[in-house]
Every structure is written in C-alpha cells, then in structure tokens.
Amino acid sequence: AIEPNGAKTEIFSILDVDGRTRYARVFIRAITTDGITINQFQASGYDITEEQHYRISLDRLFSVFSDDMLDIEQKVEHLLEVGLDYYRLDTALVSMILGETYEVQYTKSRVASDIKKGVKIPLSDTFCGQFLETSAFLAIDDVSSGDLSQLPCHSHTGIESFVGASVQTANGPYGTVSFSSTKARGKPYSSQDENFSLFLGSWIGFLLGNEEQMEFMANQNDYYQSLFRSVPAMMFLCDNDGLIISASNRISSKLG
C-alpha cells in the first residue's frame, strides 16, 4: 500500500519460542528508480516489546479498575491476574500487615501453593518485611545470588524472583502486594516494572480503602438501627437537605 518513494511506520508482532508476543516498530520505505515502479523495500526497526507490554497492561488495569460490573474482591483478583501476566511470575499475594504479622488477604497462583487466605507469617520472615520501613518497593530477579537468600521465605518456598510494593489506604498503611516465582527472572527489573508495581499498590489500596469505609458505614448503620429500636426516644437521622434517612420506632409510631 506504500506509494513509490513513500514511507510508513508499522508495529509488527510475532510469537517467540516460549509463546510470548514480541513487538517491533518498523520504518518501511518503497524504493523506485523511475518514480513509478517499486524496485525494493527498505526496512529498519527496533524492539519495543517491553514498552508495548507495559502500555497494554496499563490499559488492562484501567479496564478492570473502571468496570462497574465487578465488586471490590473481583477487581482485586483481576488486578493480580494482570500483574502475573505482566511480570510473567507464578504467584500473587495481597497481605495485611498487623504489627509484626503478615496475613494473606488475597492470593492468585498458577502453580500448586500452600499459601491461602488467612495464613499468618512473621513479617520478619517475608521479603515484604525487608523493605516496608525503608522503601515502598522491592524487586529481586535472582534471590540466591543476593543478601536475602537466607530468609525463611526463600529457604522454605524456593522463591527466586520477587517484586512487591506497599499498599496504602486512606486510613493509612494496609500491607503489600507482591508477585513471585521459584524461577529466577534472568534479567533485572526496570523502572517500568517498579512503576507498574507502585500503580498496583496504589489502586489496590484505593479499592481496599473503599471496602474499609463501606464496612465502617455498615457497622455505624447497624449501631444506629439497634439504637433506634431500643431507645424510647424520638430520634432520626437526616442529610443536609433535611431528607430523613432513618428514624427510631418511637418517632415513627408517634407521627404515624
């Protein structure tokens, strides 16, 4: 479709030997000697696989985050799925940190795993415990060759590749989101990988923060409902416009 002496840029994709899509941005020019007949095409390009996967994965995050058909738990699980695809690792965890205890809240794994929701581990025995006080992020592409190889989370599970970030809600620190594999990654994590982890930590924190807020409101509502049923007084709650939201049995019966 290129005119003689014309040029265009295309993004080409191919599957590599392990089934992953690779991308290249290619500049193509149609060569002609008479201005009419194309004698040859010249092409030059460069690999944009990491850039493309990053962009596609961010689009997937936005899609999950903005999907009104999913509840909070489903959104968190889908976000973990996107993270597993992006990092090409096996296991994803969202934890709650309570003092010196690491408690699993969400988990998604592509391999057999004993780590389930509710499992509690001493924080000092986890990779997350190694970065929370000093940083919001940690990435290790080959644990065996580093200083953390003696940790129980390595010796007991064989984890060789790890990337994690802190999760903060509007109410303060919550815990961490992390991805891991028993296979070394083979190359260092990039600044894009760090940003992606921090994005996930922020978005999961926002979702869980909303969940905490809704739970608080539900508890408050239960409290007021109990109060309205048991206290023999004329009480009601209303919004700023005077619309009555809830009322005690006494005032309801008095006013009919």
Protein backbone atom coordinates (compact mmCIF):
# COMPACT_ATOMS: atom_id res chain seq x y z
CA ALA A 1 0.00 0.00 0.00
CA ILE A 2 3.06 2.30 0.05
CA GLU A 3 3.46 4.67 -2.90
CA PRO A 4 6.80 4.75 -4.79
CA ASN A 5 9.36 6.68 -2.70
CA GLY A 6 6.77 6.73 0.09
CA ALA A 7 7.28 5.53 3.65
CA LYS A 8 5.29 4.43 6.66
CA THR A 9 5.82 3.18 10.17
CA GLU A 10 4.19 0.00 11.40
CA ILE A 11 4.21 -2.03 14.60
CA PHE A 12 4.85 -5.69 13.87
CA SER A 13 4.26 -8.55 16.30
CA ILE A 14 5.49 -12.15 16.37
CA LEU A 15 5.34 -15.01 18.85
CA ASP A 16 8.70 -16.06 20.27
CA VAL A 17 9.66 -19.63 21.17
CA ASP A 18 8.01 -19.53 24.61
CA GLY A 19 4.73 -18.17 23.23
CA ARG A 20 5.16 -14.55 24.27
CA THR A 21 4.28 -11.81 21.81
CA ARG A 22 7.18 -9.58 20.81
CA TYR A 23 6.74 -6.19 19.14
CA ALA A 24 8.89 -4.05 16.85
CA ARG A 25 8.31 -0.55 15.49
CA VAL A 26 9.47 -0.66 11.86
CA PHE A 27 10.09 2.15 9.35
CA ILE A 28 9.48 0.98 5.75
CA ARG A 29 10.37 2.86 2.57
CA ALA A 30 9.46 1.95 -1.03
CA ILE A 31 12.46 2.43 -3.35
CA THR A 32 11.99 3.33 -7.03
CA THR A 33 14.35 4.41 -9.79
CA ASP A 34 11.77 5.77 -12.21
CA GLY A 35 9.18 7.12 -9.78
CA ILE A 36 6.64 4.54 -10.94
CA THR A 37 7.86 1.01 -10.31
CA ILE A 38 8.92 -0.07 -6.82
CA ASN A 39 12.22 -1.95 -7.05
CA GLN A 40 12.65 -2.82 -3.40
CA PHE A 41 11.58 -2.06 0.14
CA GLN A 42 13.95 -0.97 2.85
CA ALA A 43 13.01 -1.57 6.46
CA SER A 44 14.64 -0.75 9.76
CA GLY A 45 13.21 -1.07 13.22
CA TYR A 46 13.75 -1.63 16.89
CA ASP A 47 12.28 -3.82 19.60
CA ILE A 48 9.50 -2.22 21.67
CA THR A 49 8.28 -5.37 23.43
CA GLU A 50 8.73 -4.09 26.99
CA GLU A 51 7.20 -0.72 26.15
CA GLN A 52 4.22 -2.34 24.41
CA HIS A 53 3.55 -4.87 27.16
CA TYR A 54 3.69 -2.07 29.72
CA ARG A 55 1.15 0.01 27.77
CA ILE A 56 -1.17 -2.95 27.15
CA SER A 57 -1.01 -3.98 30.81
CA LEU A 58 -1.80 -0.44 31.98
CA ASP A 59 -4.82 -0.43 29.66
CA ARG A 60 -5.94 -3.69 31.26
CA LEU A 61 -5.53 -2.20 34.74
CA PHE A 62 -7.67 0.80 33.81
CA SER A 63 -10.29 -1.51 32.29
CA VAL A 64 -10.53 -3.64 35.44
CA PHE A 65 -10.48 -0.65 37.79
CA SER A 66 -13.33 1.11 35.96
CA ASP A 67 -15.55 -1.97 35.43
CA ASP A 68 -18.77 -1.27 37.36
CA MET A 69 -19.88 -4.89 36.92
CA LEU A 70 -17.12 -6.15 39.25
CA ASP A 71 -17.21 -5.94 43.03
CA ILE A 72 -14.10 -5.00 45.03
CA GLU A 73 -12.95 -8.59 45.57
CA GLN A 74 -13.29 -9.41 41.86
CA LYS A 75 -11.40 -6.26 40.90
CA VAL A 76 -8.50 -7.11 43.21
CA GLU A 77 -8.32 -10.65 41.81
CA HIS A 78 -8.35 -9.36 38.21
CA LEU A 79 -5.65 -6.80 39.03
CA LEU A 80 -3.49 -9.61 40.41
CA GLU A 81 -4.09 -11.59 37.21
CA VAL A 82 -2.89 -8.63 35.12
CA GLY A 83 0.19 -8.36 37.35
CA LEU A 84 1.00 -12.05 36.90
CA ASP A 85 0.77 -11.67 33.12
CA TYR A 86 2.91 -8.55 33.11
CA TYR A 87 5.71 -9.89 35.30
CA ARG A 88 5.37 -13.46 33.98
CA LEU A 89 5.56 -14.81 37.51
CA ASP A 90 3.59 -17.58 39.23
CA THR A 91 2.07 -16.32 42.49
CA ALA A 92 0.44 -13.05 43.56
CA LEU A 93 -0.42 -12.04 47.13
CA VAL A 94 -2.07 -9.12 48.86
CA SER A 95 -1.26 -9.01 52.55
CA MET A 96 -2.40 -7.07 55.58
CA ILE A 97 0.37 -6.08 57.98
CA LEU A 98 -0.69 -6.11 61.62
CA GLY A 99 2.23 -5.19 63.82
CA GLU A 100 4.85 -7.86 63.17
CA THR A 101 2.40 -10.23 61.46
CA TYR A 102 1.94 -10.73 57.72
CA GLU A 103 -1.59 -12.02 56.96
CA VAL A 104 -2.63 -13.10 53.46
CA GLN A 105 -5.83 -11.40 52.29
CA TYR A 106 -5.88 -12.27 48.57
CA THR A 107 -3.93 -14.85 46.62
CA LYS A 108 -3.75 -15.96 43.00
CA SER A 109 -1.36 -18.66 41.81
CA ARG A 110 -0.63 -20.56 38.63
CA VAL A 111 1.17 -23.32 40.49
CA ALA A 112 0.28 -25.50 43.47
CA SER A 113 0.66 -23.44 46.63
CA ASP A 114 0.06 -23.91 50.36
CA ILE A 115 -0.43 -20.18 50.89
CA LYS A 116 -4.12 -19.45 51.32
CA LYS A 117 -6.19 -16.53 52.54
CA GLY A 118 -5.84 -16.11 56.30
CA VAL A 119 -2.35 -17.61 56.52
CA LYS A 120 -0.22 -15.65 59.01
CA ILE A 121 3.56 -15.38 58.83
CA PRO A 122 6.02 -13.41 60.97
CA LEU A 123 6.71 -10.24 59.00
CA SER A 124 10.46 -10.59 59.54
CA ASP A 125 10.36 -13.93 57.67
CA THR A 126 8.98 -12.34 54.49
CA PHE A 127 10.53 -10.33 51.67
CA CYS A 128 7.97 -7.61 52.41
CA GLY A 129 9.40 -7.18 55.87
CA GLN A 130 12.72 -6.23 54.28
CA PHE A 131 11.53 -3.09 52.53
CA LEU A 132 8.44 -1.62 54.22
CA GLU A 133 10.37 0.53 56.70
CA THR A 134 12.79 1.96 54.15
CA SER A 135 11.04 1.88 50.78
CA ALA A 136 7.71 1.39 49.01
CA PHE A 137 9.12 -1.14 46.56
CA LEU A 138 11.41 -4.17 46.30
CA ALA A 139 12.41 -6.24 43.26
CA ILE A 140 14.85 -9.16 43.21
CA ASP A 141 15.45 -11.06 39.98
CA ASP A 142 17.73 -13.75 41.47
CA VAL A 143 17.32 -14.25 45.22
CA SER A 144 20.02 -16.94 45.52
CA SER A 145 22.72 -14.50 44.48
CA GLY A 146 21.67 -11.79 46.96
CA ASP A 147 21.70 -10.98 50.66
CA LEU A 148 18.14 -12.22 51.24
CA SER A 149 18.84 -15.84 50.29
CA GLN A 150 18.91 -16.87 53.97
CA LEU A 151 15.37 -15.72 54.70
CA PRO A 152 12.82 -18.45 55.57
CA CYS A 153 10.60 -17.26 52.69
CA HIS A 154 13.42 -18.33 50.35
CA SER A 155 14.62 -21.47 52.09
CA HIS A 156 11.07 -22.77 52.71
CA THR A 157 9.47 -21.84 49.38
CA GLY A 158 12.37 -21.65 46.93
CA ILE A 159 11.29 -18.21 45.68
CA GLU A 160 13.92 -16.86 43.29
CA SER A 161 12.16 -13.89 41.72
CA PHE A 162 10.17 -11.34 43.72
CA VAL A 163 8.62 -7.92 43.14
CA GLY A 164 6.44 -6.14 45.69
CA ALA A 165 5.08 -2.74 46.72
CA SER A 166 3.37 -1.27 49.75
CA VAL A 167 -0.41 -0.82 49.83
CA GLN A 168 -1.71 2.36 51.42
CA THR A 169 -5.37 3.20 52.01
CA ALA A 170 -6.98 6.49 53.01
CA ASN A 171 -6.89 5.18 56.58
CA GLY A 172 -3.12 4.61 56.49
CA PRO A 173 -0.74 1.69 55.76
CA TYR A 174 -2.54 -1.54 54.89
CA GLY A 175 0.05 -4.08 53.73
CA THR A 176 1.68 -5.17 50.48
CA VAL A 177 1.03 -6.57 47.01
CA SER A 178 3.68 -8.93 45.67
CA PHE A 179 4.47 -11.31 42.82
CA SER A 180 6.94 -14.19 42.95
CA SER A 181 8.25 -17.29 41.21
CA THR A 182 10.55 -20.19 42.05
CA LYS A 183 12.45 -19.47 38.82
CA ALA A 184 14.97 -16.65 38.51
CA ARG A 185 13.77 -13.97 36.12
CA GLY A 186 17.01 -13.81 34.19
CA LYS A 187 17.21 -10.03 33.93
CA PRO A 188 16.95 -7.08 36.33
CA TYR A 189 13.66 -5.30 36.93
CA SER A 190 13.31 -1.98 35.09
CA SER A 191 11.93 1.39 36.18
CA GLN A 192 8.75 0.49 34.28
CA ASP A 193 8.45 -2.68 36.36
CA GLU A 194 8.82 -0.58 39.51
CA ASN A 195 6.17 1.91 38.34
CA PHE A 196 3.78 -0.92 37.48
CA SER A 197 4.11 -2.39 40.97
CA LEU A 198 3.55 1.02 42.57
CA PHE A 199 0.45 1.54 40.37
CA LEU A 200 -0.95 -1.78 41.55
CA GLY A 201 -0.23 -0.95 45.18
CA SER A 202 -2.00 2.42 44.86
CA TRP A 203 -5.06 1.08 43.07
CA ILE A 204 -5.49 -1.92 45.35
CA GLY A 205 -5.11 0.44 48.32
CA PHE A 206 -7.87 2.65 46.92
CA LEU A 207 -10.19 -0.33 46.47
CA LEU A 208 -9.50 -1.79 49.91
CA GLY A 209 -9.80 1.66 51.46
CA ASN A 210 -13.29 1.97 50.00
CA GLU A 211 -14.10 -1.50 51.32
CA GLU A 212 -12.94 -0.46 54.80
CA GLN A 213 -15.05 2.69 54.58
CA MET A 214 -18.13 0.76 53.48
CA GLU A 215 -17.64 -1.74 56.31
CA PHE A 216 -17.33 1.14 58.78
CA MET A 217 -20.53 2.72 57.43
CA ALA A 218 -22.36 -0.60 57.63
CA ASN A 219 -21.25 -1.03 61.24
CA GLN A 220 -22.39 2.53 62.01
CA ASN A 221 -25.74 1.82 60.38
CA ASP A 222 -26.15 -1.36 62.45
CA TYR A 223 -25.34 0.67 65.57
CA TYR A 224 -27.96 3.34 64.80
CA GLN A 225 -30.58 0.73 63.86
CA SER A 226 -30.01 -1.01 67.18
CA LEU A 227 -30.17 2.33 68.98
CA PHE A 228 -33.39 3.32 67.23
CA ARG A 229 -35.04 0.03 68.17
CA SER A 230 -34.03 0.05 71.84
CA VAL A 231 -34.07 3.71 72.98
CA PRO A 232 -37.58 5.05 73.87
CA ALA A 233 -36.86 8.47 72.36
CA MET A 234 -37.96 10.31 69.23
CA MET A 235 -34.77 10.26 67.13
CA PHE A 236 -33.98 10.50 63.45
CA LEU A 237 -31.06 10.96 61.07
CA CYS A 238 -31.30 13.30 58.10
CA ASP A 239 -28.99 14.59 55.39
CA ASN A 240 -28.03 18.22 54.72
CA ASP A 241 -31.26 18.79 52.78
CA GLY A 242 -33.45 17.56 55.62
CA LEU A 243 -34.29 14.23 53.98
CA ILE A 244 -34.87 11.66 56.73
CA ILE A 245 -32.55 8.68 56.29
CA SER A 246 -33.53 6.65 59.33
CA ALA A 247 -35.83 7.07 62.34
CA SER A 248 -36.47 5.45 65.71
CA ASN A 249 -39.52 3.28 66.34
CA ARG A 250 -40.83 5.83 68.86
CA ILE A 251 -40.91 8.78 66.49
CA SER A 252 -42.34 6.61 63.72
CA SER A 253 -45.22 5.47 65.90
CA LYS A 254 -45.79 8.96 67.33
CA LEU A 255 -46.01 10.56 63.89
CA GLY A 256 -47.78 7.67 62.30
